[in-house]
Amino acid sequence: MKPYYLASERAAAPTSSVSYIAPVLTRMWFRWDGIRDSGHNRTGAEAVAESGSKPVQVFADGEWHPVAAYGTTCAQSAANYLQEVDPA
């Protein structure tokens, strides 16, 4: 994985259908309708406040991912984070 992506690379990056858990307090690249395609460098909390009710995407692993929830210190796949637990 590259350590840094140019704005033009982020703007041209594909959009994945894999939902991600995004960080609340860590700065990452977020975007939503009405802002530039390369996104804004914000914390998850700032992205939520600024986006209103618009769906938010986070840039991770070279792709834009829809945000399913917030709460970790780094962006990760929701499938890896959320698990069903069989009640005992």
Protein backbone atom coordinates (compact mmCIF):
# COMPACT_ATOMS: atom_id res chain seq x y z
CA MET A 1 0.00 0.00 0.00
CA LYS A 2 1.25 3.47 -0.85
CA PRO A 3 2.02 5.78 2.09
CA TYR A 4 0.43 8.78 0.37
CA TYR A 5 -2.08 9.39 -2.44
CA LEU A 6 -2.28 12.58 -4.47
CA ALA A 7 -5.62 14.40 -4.64
CA SER A 8 -5.93 13.41 -8.30
CA GLU A 9 -5.39 9.74 -7.36
CA ARG A 10 -8.02 9.90 -4.61
CA ALA A 11 -10.48 11.62 -6.97
CA ALA A 12 -9.98 8.91 -9.62
CA ALA A 13 -9.96 6.00 -7.15
CA PRO A 14 -12.71 3.39 -7.51
CA THR A 15 -15.62 3.17 -5.11
CA SER A 16 -15.90 -0.18 -3.36
CA SER A 17 -19.12 -1.81 -2.21
CA VAL A 18 -17.36 -3.09 0.93
CA SER A 19 -18.55 -1.07 3.94
CA TYR A 20 -15.97 0.13 6.43
CA ILE A 21 -15.92 1.06 10.09
CA ALA A 22 -14.35 4.54 10.17
CA PRO A 23 -12.41 6.16 13.01
CA VAL A 24 -14.13 8.80 15.12
CA LEU A 25 -11.07 10.76 16.27
CA THR A 26 -8.40 9.85 13.71
CA ARG A 27 -7.95 12.05 10.64
CA MET A 28 -8.61 10.31 7.32
CA TRP A 29 -9.93 11.28 3.91
CA PHE A 30 -13.74 11.46 3.86
CA ARG A 31 -16.13 12.56 1.13
CA TRP A 32 -19.88 12.97 0.59
CA ASP A 33 -22.13 14.63 -1.99
CA GLY A 34 -21.41 18.29 -2.46
CA ILE A 35 -17.66 18.32 -1.76
CA ARG A 36 -14.65 17.77 -4.01
CA ASP A 37 -14.10 14.24 -5.34
CA SER A 38 -10.71 13.95 -3.61
CA GLY A 39 -12.39 14.39 -0.21
CA HIS A 40 -11.52 16.33 2.92
CA ASN A 41 -9.00 15.33 5.59
CA ARG A 42 -11.20 15.19 8.68
CA THR A 43 -11.85 13.14 11.78
CA GLY A 44 -14.91 10.91 11.61
CA ALA A 45 -16.68 13.19 14.07
CA GLU A 46 -16.04 16.23 11.84
CA ALA A 47 -17.19 14.32 8.75
CA VAL A 48 -20.46 13.38 10.46
CA ALA A 49 -21.07 16.96 11.59
CA GLU A 50 -20.29 18.47 8.18
CA SER A 51 -22.05 15.89 5.99
CA GLY A 52 -25.40 16.14 7.73
CA SER A 53 -27.58 13.23 6.62
CA LYS A 54 -25.60 12.53 3.41
CA PRO A 55 -23.89 9.13 3.04
CA VAL A 56 -20.17 9.34 3.84
CA GLN A 57 -17.29 7.46 2.22
CA VAL A 58 -13.81 6.90 3.69
CA PHE A 59 -10.63 6.48 1.62
CA ALA A 60 -8.72 3.36 2.64
CA ASP A 61 -6.60 0.78 0.84
CA GLY A 62 -6.66 2.83 -2.38
CA GLU A 63 -10.46 2.87 -2.65
CA TRP A 64 -13.46 4.80 -1.38
CA HIS A 65 -15.66 2.75 0.97
CA PRO A 66 -19.14 3.53 2.32
CA VAL A 67 -19.04 4.13 6.07
CA ALA A 68 -21.21 1.65 7.99
CA ALA A 69 -20.32 2.90 11.47
CA TYR A 70 -17.76 4.87 13.46
CA GLY A 71 -15.74 3.87 16.45
CA THR A 72 -12.26 2.51 15.80
CA THR A 73 -8.85 4.13 15.59
CA CYS A 74 -8.29 3.01 11.99
CA ALA A 75 -10.50 2.22 9.01
CA GLN A 76 -11.28 -1.44 8.58
CA SER A 77 -13.76 -3.63 6.78
CA ALA A 78 -17.08 -3.92 8.58
CA ALA A 79 -17.14 -7.63 7.70
CA ASN A 80 -13.95 -8.13 9.73
CA TYR A 81 -15.14 -6.01 12.61
CA LEU A 82 -18.77 -7.00 13.08
CA GLN A 83 -19.52 -10.63 13.86
CA GLU A 84 -22.67 -12.44 14.78
CA VAL A 85 -22.44 -14.15 18.13
CA ASP A 86 -24.42 -17.30 18.71
CA PRO A 87 -26.26 -16.93 22.04
CA ALA A 88 -25.33 -19.62 24.52
